[in-house]
Structure formats: C-alpha cells, structure tokens
C-alpha cells in the first residue's frame, strides 16, 4: 500500500515536471518501474571479478537485484550484486579500485573520518561524492567513484570465518533529476 502511494507520487511528480518542460520540448512523457532479482556487469557499470560466483547469506536469499523507477526527466535506479571469490580481499580491492577510476576520483571510505559540516556543505553544492558517514567493519574495504547522482560503490571483506577468499558487493545508484540544483 505504501509502495503504491510512493510510486503514484513519484509518477505524478515526473508528470508535473514533464508538463512544465512541455513548452521547451515536444517529447512524449513516459513512466515505469523495473525490478528483477539479478544485476549484471552492464547494470552495474563494473566488471565481475574473474572466477567469482554469486554469494548468498542464506539458501533462499538472492545474490543481487535491479530496481528502477522513472517518470519524465526524473528517475532512480539501483543495481546490486553480492559475489564471492577464492582470491584474497586485497587483490579484489585493488582490481576494483582500478576499475572505478573510469568514473573519476576513487574515494577510499574504509575507516574514513566523518566529514566536517563545511565539507558536507561544499559537496552538497557541487554534487561531489563523499564518504558521508560510511562505517566499515574490521577488515572491510569500501570504495566509491562518480557523483552524488551517479554512484558506483564497492565493498570487499574477508570471507566468512573458516573460509578463504573474499565476499564483495557492487552497487550502482542513479538519481536522475532528483538532486538537480536550479
């Protein structure tokens, strides 16, 4: 019920924005929702580490997902996968730090200090990506690249106790038209 109300509100906001833009442009308005239990390298904008396989915390869990909601010039997309590999966490982390560089400066948010109010304000004005108040678990590495509106996030941690290798998460978040400053 709440989800339906949120979706309706989102679509109406997109329709209102499309109506406002109608005088500028004669394009058609469209809206929709996408959802799935799988995300792939194309959805994430990042490669899957060679030799990895999907990781599930429980047998009935999904190892990923893909969700999108759009209306007119406004949209939200989230793609997530959780994978595991027999490789050491530091090797996986180095691989993804290199892969993230195509999106700009790679932030190392592993145990990063919380930003000051001045840093938060400057980042908000510029749309720059920050570590915000991200906290990592011991041994976990967290990296981000892109902008607030187009984020690519990677977290890598040692495999569960008694296992060798690494478990990692790849996340892509896009917020088209939601944070635009005018």
C-alpha atoms as a PDB file:
ATOM      1  CA  UNK A   1       0.000   0.000   0.000  1.00  0.00           C
ATOM      2  CA  UNK A   2       2.759   2.445   0.957  1.00  0.00           C
ATOM      3  CA  UNK A   3       4.831   1.380  -2.063  1.00  0.00           C
ATOM      4  CA  UNK A   4       1.880   2.042  -4.383  1.00  0.00           C
ATOM      5  CA  UNK A   5       1.413   5.512  -2.887  1.00  0.00           C
ATOM      6  CA  UNK A   6       5.115   6.293  -3.287  1.00  0.00           C
ATOM      7  CA  UNK A   7       5.085   5.089  -6.881  1.00  0.00           C
ATOM      8  CA  UNK A   8       1.981   7.137  -7.689  1.00  0.00           C
ATOM      9  CA  UNK A   9       3.527  10.226  -6.097  1.00  0.00           C
ATOM     10  CA  UNK A  10       6.767   9.697  -7.984  1.00  0.00           C
ATOM     11  CA  UNK A  11       4.954   9.297 -11.314  1.00  0.00           C
ATOM     12  CA  UNK A  12       2.845  12.394 -10.634  1.00  0.00           C
ATOM     13  CA  UNK A  13       5.984  14.410  -9.840  1.00  0.00           C
ATOM     14  CA  UNK A  14       7.508  13.219 -13.101  1.00  0.00           C
ATOM     15  CA  UNK A  15       4.291  14.097 -14.969  1.00  0.00           C
ATOM     16  CA  UNK A  16       4.247  17.592 -13.459  1.00  0.00           C
ATOM     17  CA  UNK A  17       7.894  18.093 -14.419  1.00  0.00           C
ATOM     18  CA  UNK A  18       7.183  16.802 -17.928  1.00  0.00           C
ATOM     19  CA  UNK A  19       4.219  19.205 -18.219  1.00  0.00           C
ATOM     20  CA  UNK A  20       6.464  22.106 -17.128  1.00  0.00           C
ATOM     21  CA  UNK A  21       9.019  21.084 -19.744  1.00  0.00           C
ATOM     22  CA  UNK A  22       6.390  20.649 -22.488  1.00  0.00           C
ATOM     23  CA  UNK A  23       6.787  24.240 -23.660  1.00  0.00           C
ATOM     24  CA  UNK A  24      10.529  23.627 -24.111  1.00  0.00           C
ATOM     25  CA  UNK A  25      10.251  20.266 -25.809  1.00  0.00           C
ATOM     26  CA  UNK A  26       7.606  18.299 -27.694  1.00  0.00           C
ATOM     27  CA  UNK A  27       8.767  14.866 -26.442  1.00  0.00           C
ATOM     28  CA  UNK A  28       6.328  12.312 -25.062  1.00  0.00           C
ATOM     29  CA  UNK A  29       6.058  11.603 -21.363  1.00  0.00           C
ATOM     30  CA  UNK A  30       6.822   8.087 -20.176  1.00  0.00           C
ATOM     31  CA  UNK A  31       6.916   6.442 -16.770  1.00  0.00           C
ATOM     32  CA  UNK A  32       7.645   2.991 -15.473  1.00  0.00           C
ATOM     33  CA  UNK A  33       9.086   0.577 -12.975  1.00  0.00           C
ATOM     34  CA  UNK A  34      11.680  -2.131 -13.491  1.00  0.00           C
ATOM     35  CA  UNK A  35      12.535  -4.808 -10.963  1.00  0.00           C
ATOM     36  CA  UNK A  36      14.456  -8.042 -11.017  1.00  0.00           C
ATOM     37  CA  UNK A  37      16.435 -10.431  -8.848  1.00  0.00           C
ATOM     38  CA  UNK A  38      19.545 -10.185 -10.995  1.00  0.00           C
ATOM     39  CA  UNK A  39      22.007  -7.462 -11.953  1.00  0.00           C
ATOM     40  CA  UNK A  40      24.962  -7.939 -14.267  1.00  0.00           C
ATOM     41  CA  UNK A  41      28.119  -6.058 -15.220  1.00  0.00           C
ATOM     42  CA  UNK A  42      26.173  -3.898 -17.686  1.00  0.00           C
ATOM     43  CA  UNK A  43      23.676  -2.829 -14.994  1.00  0.00           C
ATOM     44  CA  UNK A  44      26.488  -2.076 -12.545  1.00  0.00           C
ATOM     45  CA  UNK A  45      28.938  -0.400 -14.909  1.00  0.00           C
ATOM     46  CA  UNK A  46      31.670  -2.574 -13.374  1.00  0.00           C
ATOM     47  CA  UNK A  47      33.137  -5.943 -14.352  1.00  0.00           C
ATOM     48  CA  UNK A  48      32.580  -9.037 -12.245  1.00  0.00           C
ATOM     49  CA  UNK A  49      35.863 -10.229 -10.714  1.00  0.00           C
ATOM     50  CA  UNK A  50      37.125 -13.231 -12.760  1.00  0.00           C
ATOM     51  CA  UNK A  51      36.272 -16.604 -11.213  1.00  0.00           C
ATOM     52  CA  UNK A  52      33.629 -15.161  -8.857  1.00  0.00           C
ATOM     53  CA  UNK A  53      30.303 -16.740  -8.110  1.00  0.00           C
ATOM     54  CA  UNK A  54      27.122 -15.327  -6.542  1.00  0.00           C
ATOM     55  CA  UNK A  55      27.152 -15.196  -2.738  1.00  0.00           C
ATOM     56  CA  UNK A  56      24.047 -15.878  -0.666  1.00  0.00           C
ATOM     57  CA  UNK A  57      23.969 -15.403   3.081  1.00  0.00           C
ATOM     58  CA  UNK A  58      21.066 -17.892   3.244  1.00  0.00           C
ATOM     59  CA  UNK A  59      19.962 -20.512   0.709  1.00  0.00           C
ATOM     60  CA  UNK A  60      16.725 -18.700  -0.089  1.00  0.00           C
ATOM     61  CA  UNK A  61      18.358 -15.245  -0.494  1.00  0.00           C
ATOM     62  CA  UNK A  62      19.028 -13.587  -3.806  1.00  0.00           C
ATOM     63  CA  UNK A  63      22.613 -12.564  -4.550  1.00  0.00           C
ATOM     64  CA  UNK A  64      21.540  -9.388  -6.324  1.00  0.00           C
ATOM     65  CA  UNK A  65      18.817  -7.159  -7.562  1.00  0.00           C
ATOM     66  CA  UNK A  66      17.926  -4.467 -10.024  1.00  0.00           C
ATOM     67  CA  UNK A  67      15.269  -1.820  -9.389  1.00  0.00           C
ATOM     68  CA  UNK A  68      14.304   1.265 -11.332  1.00  0.00           C
ATOM     69  CA  UNK A  69      11.565   3.869 -11.143  1.00  0.00           C
ATOM     70  CA  UNK A  70      11.197   6.654 -13.679  1.00  0.00           C
ATOM     71  CA  UNK A  71       8.800   9.323 -14.842  1.00  0.00           C
ATOM     72  CA  UNK A  72       9.628  12.026 -17.384  1.00  0.00           C
ATOM     73  CA  UNK A  73      13.023  13.537 -16.595  1.00  0.00           C
ATOM     74  CA  UNK A  74      13.119  12.041 -13.112  1.00  0.00           C
ATOM     75  CA  UNK A  75      14.357   8.579 -12.260  1.00  0.00           C
ATOM     76  CA  UNK A  76      16.005   6.294  -9.747  1.00  0.00           C
ATOM     77  CA  UNK A  77      17.983   3.123 -10.457  1.00  0.00           C
ATOM     78  CA  UNK A  78      19.627   0.709  -8.050  1.00  0.00           C
ATOM     79  CA  UNK A  79      21.621  -2.348  -9.092  1.00  0.00           C
ATOM     80  CA  UNK A  80      23.340  -4.590  -6.521  1.00  0.00           C
ATOM     81  CA  UNK A  81      25.233  -7.892  -6.554  1.00  0.00           C
ATOM     82  CA  UNK A  82      26.960  -9.848  -3.808  1.00  0.00           C
ATOM     83  CA  UNK A  83      29.734 -12.135  -5.016  1.00  0.00           C
ATOM     84  CA  UNK A  84      32.451 -14.367  -3.591  1.00  0.00           C
ATOM     85  CA  UNK A  85      35.856 -15.435  -4.800  1.00  0.00           C
ATOM     86  CA  UNK A  86      38.747 -17.556  -3.540  1.00  0.00           C
ATOM     87  CA  UNK A  87      41.117 -14.618  -4.133  1.00  0.00           C
ATOM     88  CA  UNK A  88      42.481 -12.566  -1.238  1.00  0.00           C
ATOM     89  CA  UNK A  89      40.463  -9.462  -0.311  1.00  0.00           C
ATOM     90  CA  UNK A  90      43.371  -7.100  -1.066  1.00  0.00           C
ATOM     91  CA  UNK A  91      43.573  -8.437  -4.661  1.00  0.00           C
ATOM     92  CA  UNK A  92      39.844  -7.930  -5.198  1.00  0.00           C
ATOM     93  CA  UNK A  93      40.052  -4.428  -3.694  1.00  0.00           C
ATOM     94  CA  UNK A  94      42.978  -3.464  -5.967  1.00  0.00           C
ATOM     95  CA  UNK A  95      41.076  -4.777  -9.017  1.00  0.00           C
ATOM     96  CA  UNK A  96      38.035  -2.631  -8.229  1.00  0.00           C
ATOM     97  CA  UNK A  97      39.995   0.496  -7.293  1.00  0.00           C
ATOM     98  CA  UNK A  98      41.434   0.311 -10.817  1.00  0.00           C
ATOM     99  CA  UNK A  99      38.010  -0.399 -12.412  1.00  0.00           C
ATOM    100  CA  UNK A 100      36.392   2.525 -10.548  1.00  0.00           C
ATOM    101  CA  UNK A 101      38.924   5.042 -11.954  1.00  0.00           C
ATOM    102  CA  UNK A 102      36.916   5.370 -15.174  1.00  0.00           C
ATOM    103  CA  UNK A 103      34.282   7.218 -13.095  1.00  0.00           C
ATOM    104  CA  UNK A 104      36.735   9.756 -11.647  1.00  0.00           C
ATOM    105  CA  UNK A 105      38.498  10.051  -8.333  1.00  0.00           C
ATOM    106  CA  UNK A 106      38.184   6.899  -6.248  1.00  0.00           C
ATOM    107  CA  UNK A 107      37.323   7.608  -2.617  1.00  0.00           C
ATOM    108  CA  UNK A 108      38.653   5.180  -0.029  1.00  0.00           C
ATOM    109  CA  UNK A 109      35.907   5.215   2.593  1.00  0.00           C
ATOM    110  CA  UNK A 110      37.484   2.434   4.663  1.00  0.00           C
ATOM    111  CA  UNK A 111      37.589   3.930   8.141  1.00  0.00           C
ATOM    112  CA  UNK A 112      37.383   7.453   6.690  1.00  0.00           C
ATOM    113  CA  UNK A 113      36.797  10.215   9.236  1.00  0.00           C
ATOM    114  CA  UNK A 114      33.337  11.782   9.215  1.00  0.00           C
ATOM    115  CA  UNK A 115      33.269  14.922   7.051  1.00  0.00           C
ATOM    116  CA  UNK A 116      33.036  18.329   8.684  1.00  0.00           C
ATOM    117  CA  UNK A 117      29.935  20.484   8.188  1.00  0.00           C
ATOM    118  CA  UNK A 118      31.917  22.696   5.783  1.00  0.00           C
ATOM    119  CA  UNK A 119      32.942  19.636   3.717  1.00  0.00           C
ATOM    120  CA  UNK A 120      29.353  18.370   3.664  1.00  0.00           C
ATOM    121  CA  UNK A 121      28.057  21.772   2.534  1.00  0.00           C
ATOM    122  CA  UNK A 122      30.707  22.116  -0.215  1.00  0.00           C
ATOM    123  CA  UNK A 123      29.992  18.602  -1.511  1.00  0.00           C
ATOM    124  CA  UNK A 124      26.242  19.235  -1.476  1.00  0.00           C
ATOM    125  CA  UNK A 125      26.642  22.423  -3.527  1.00  0.00           C
ATOM    126  CA  UNK A 126      28.944  20.809  -6.073  1.00  0.00           C
ATOM    127  CA  UNK A 127      27.242  17.402  -6.314  1.00  0.00           C
ATOM    128  CA  UNK A 128      30.570  15.769  -5.432  1.00  0.00           C
ATOM    129  CA  UNK A 129      30.559  12.295  -4.000  1.00  0.00           C
ATOM    130  CA  UNK A 130      31.730  11.901  -0.407  1.00  0.00           C
ATOM    131  CA  UNK A 131      32.168   9.081   2.071  1.00  0.00           C
ATOM    132  CA  UNK A 132      29.439  10.707   4.179  1.00  0.00           C
ATOM    133  CA  UNK A 133      29.220   8.856   7.469  1.00  0.00           C
ATOM    134  CA  UNK A 134      30.015   5.425   5.997  1.00  0.00           C
ATOM    135  CA  UNK A 135      31.380   2.962   8.528  1.00  0.00           C
ATOM    136  CA  UNK A 136      33.181  -0.265   7.706  1.00  0.00           C
ATOM    137  CA  UNK A 137      33.600  -3.469   9.652  1.00  0.00           C
ATOM    138  CA  UNK A 138      37.103  -4.567  10.685  1.00  0.00           C
ATOM    139  CA  UNK A 139      38.943  -5.848   7.592  1.00  0.00           C
ATOM    140  CA  UNK A 140      36.373  -4.399   5.167  1.00  0.00           C
ATOM    141  CA  UNK A 141      37.371  -2.032   2.357  1.00  0.00           C
ATOM    142  CA  UNK A 142      34.893   0.462   0.869  1.00  0.00           C
ATOM    143  CA  UNK A 143      35.388   2.493  -2.311  1.00  0.00           C
ATOM    144  CA  UNK A 144      33.217   4.976  -4.206  1.00  0.00           C
ATOM    145  CA  UNK A 145      33.525   6.820  -7.504  1.00  0.00           C
ATOM    146  CA  UNK A 146      31.299   9.065  -9.594  1.00  0.00           C
ATOM    147  CA  UNK A 147      28.968  11.817  -8.412  1.00  0.00           C
ATOM    148  CA  UNK A 148      26.073  12.009  -5.954  1.00  0.00           C
ATOM    149  CA  UNK A 149      23.713  11.424  -8.891  1.00  0.00           C
ATOM    150  CA  UNK A 150      25.733   8.539 -10.455  1.00  0.00           C
ATOM    151  CA  UNK A 151      27.468   6.460  -7.765  1.00  0.00           C
ATOM    152  CA  UNK A 152      29.484   3.269  -8.107  1.00  0.00           C
ATOM    153  CA  UNK A 153      30.256   1.613  -4.769  1.00  0.00           C
ATOM    154  CA  UNK A 154      32.386  -1.447  -3.959  1.00  0.00           C
ATOM    155  CA  UNK A 155      32.836  -3.104  -0.572  1.00  0.00           C
ATOM    156  CA  UNK A 156      35.216  -6.018  -0.042  1.00  0.00           C
ATOM    157  CA  UNK A 157      35.615  -8.112   3.081  1.00  0.00           C
ATOM    158  CA  UNK A 158      37.264 -11.369   4.063  1.00  0.00           C
ATOM    159  CA  UNK A 159      35.128 -14.463   3.517  1.00  0.00           C
ATOM    160  CA  UNK A 160      33.175 -15.862   6.443  1.00  0.00           C
ATOM    161  CA  UNK A 161      35.127 -17.484   9.272  1.00  0.00           C
ATOM    162  CA  UNK A 162      36.623 -20.796   8.258  1.00  0.00           C
ATOM    163  CA  UNK A 163      36.694 -19.918   4.550  1.00  0.00           C
ATOM    164  CA  UNK A 164      39.418 -18.316   2.480  1.00  0.00           C
ATOM    165  CA  UNK A 165      38.855 -15.622  -0.092  1.00  0.00           C
ATOM    166  CA  UNK A 166      36.636 -12.566  -0.215  1.00  0.00           C
ATOM    167  CA  UNK A 167      32.997 -11.553  -0.349  1.00  0.00           C
ATOM    168  CA  UNK A 168      32.249  -8.323  -2.178  1.00  0.00           C
ATOM    169  CA  UNK A 169      29.312  -6.099  -3.058  1.00  0.00           C
ATOM    170  CA  UNK A 170      28.968  -3.994  -6.202  1.00  0.00           C
ATOM    171  CA  UNK A 171      26.384  -1.202  -6.136  1.00  0.00           C
ATOM    172  CA  UNK A 172      25.231   1.315  -8.732  1.00  0.00           C
ATOM    173  CA  UNK A 173      22.877   4.154  -7.767  1.00  0.00           C
ATOM    174  CA  UNK A 174      21.499   6.733 -10.192  1.00  0.00           C
ATOM    175  CA  UNK A 175      19.184   9.570  -9.148  1.00  0.00           C
ATOM    176  CA  UNK A 176      18.400  11.390 -12.396  1.00  0.00           C
ATOM    177  CA  UNK A 177      16.632  14.692 -11.795  1.00  0.00           C
ATOM    178  CA  UNK A 178      16.151  14.141  -8.054  1.00  0.00           C
ATOM    179  CA  UNK A 179      19.090  16.208  -6.816  1.00  0.00           C
ATOM    180  CA  UNK A 180      19.326  18.741  -9.639  1.00  0.00           C
ATOM    181  CA  UNK A 181      20.114  22.224  -8.360  1.00  0.00           C
ATOM    182  CA  UNK A 182      18.496  25.027 -10.342  1.00  0.00           C
END
